[in-house]
């Protein structure tokens, strides 16, 4: 139950930041990677938010 609360707080924080309520513009970022190597292929990616000097990124 505690994990659910923390998850909801994180989502609420991202939602508040995304609407611009803090006064600074939020820049969403997205990254997608596809690679081929001697050991096979791999896929990676992630999403993030950036404002001023602060950035949060989730992915590989």
Protein backbone atom coordinates (compact mmCIF):
# COMPACT_ATOMS: atom_id res chain seq x y z
CA UNK A 1 0.00 0.00 0.00
CA UNK A 2 2.91 2.34 0.73
CA UNK A 3 4.34 1.76 -2.76
CA UNK A 4 0.99 2.78 -4.26
CA UNK A 5 1.02 6.04 -2.28
CA UNK A 6 4.56 6.86 -3.39
CA UNK A 7 3.65 6.06 -7.00
CA UNK A 8 0.59 8.32 -6.84
CA UNK A 9 2.68 11.15 -5.36
CA UNK A 10 5.21 10.83 -8.19
CA UNK A 11 2.45 10.87 -10.83
CA UNK A 12 0.83 13.87 -9.13
CA UNK A 13 4.17 15.70 -9.10
CA UNK A 14 4.77 15.04 -12.78
CA UNK A 15 1.23 16.17 -13.58
CA UNK A 16 1.65 19.40 -11.66
CA UNK A 17 5.02 20.10 -13.26
CA UNK A 18 3.73 19.28 -16.75
CA UNK A 19 0.92 21.82 -16.53
CA UNK A 20 3.44 24.62 -15.90
CA UNK A 21 2.10 25.53 -12.46
CA UNK A 22 5.64 26.20 -11.22
CA UNK A 23 6.01 29.06 -13.71
CA UNK A 24 8.82 27.62 -15.84
CA UNK A 25 8.29 25.70 -19.07
CA UNK A 26 8.75 21.95 -18.90
CA UNK A 27 10.54 20.23 -21.76
CA UNK A 28 9.56 16.60 -22.25
CA UNK A 29 12.23 14.33 -23.75
CA UNK A 30 12.04 10.92 -25.37
CA UNK A 31 14.73 8.52 -26.51
CA UNK A 32 14.48 5.28 -28.51
CA UNK A 33 17.37 2.98 -29.46
CA UNK A 34 17.66 -0.09 -31.64
CA UNK A 35 21.03 -1.74 -31.99
CA UNK A 36 22.63 -4.73 -33.67
CA UNK A 37 25.83 -6.28 -32.39
CA UNK A 38 27.72 -9.55 -32.44
CA UNK A 39 25.61 -10.84 -29.52
CA UNK A 40 22.27 -9.99 -31.18
CA UNK A 41 19.88 -7.08 -31.28
CA UNK A 42 18.67 -4.87 -28.47
CA UNK A 43 15.95 -2.29 -27.96
CA UNK A 44 16.00 0.50 -25.39
CA UNK A 45 14.34 3.79 -24.68
CA UNK A 46 13.08 6.18 -22.09
CA UNK A 47 11.16 9.32 -21.26
CA UNK A 48 12.01 12.34 -19.17
CA UNK A 49 11.19 15.87 -18.08
CA UNK A 50 13.57 18.80 -17.99
CA UNK A 51 13.22 22.27 -16.50
CA UNK A 52 16.07 24.68 -15.92
CA UNK A 53 18.97 22.71 -14.47
CA UNK A 54 16.81 19.82 -13.24
CA UNK A 55 16.14 16.74 -15.31
CA UNK A 56 14.41 13.45 -14.53
CA UNK A 57 14.80 10.49 -16.86
CA UNK A 58 13.37 6.96 -16.77
CA UNK A 59 14.64 4.30 -19.13
CA UNK A 60 17.66 2.41 -20.38
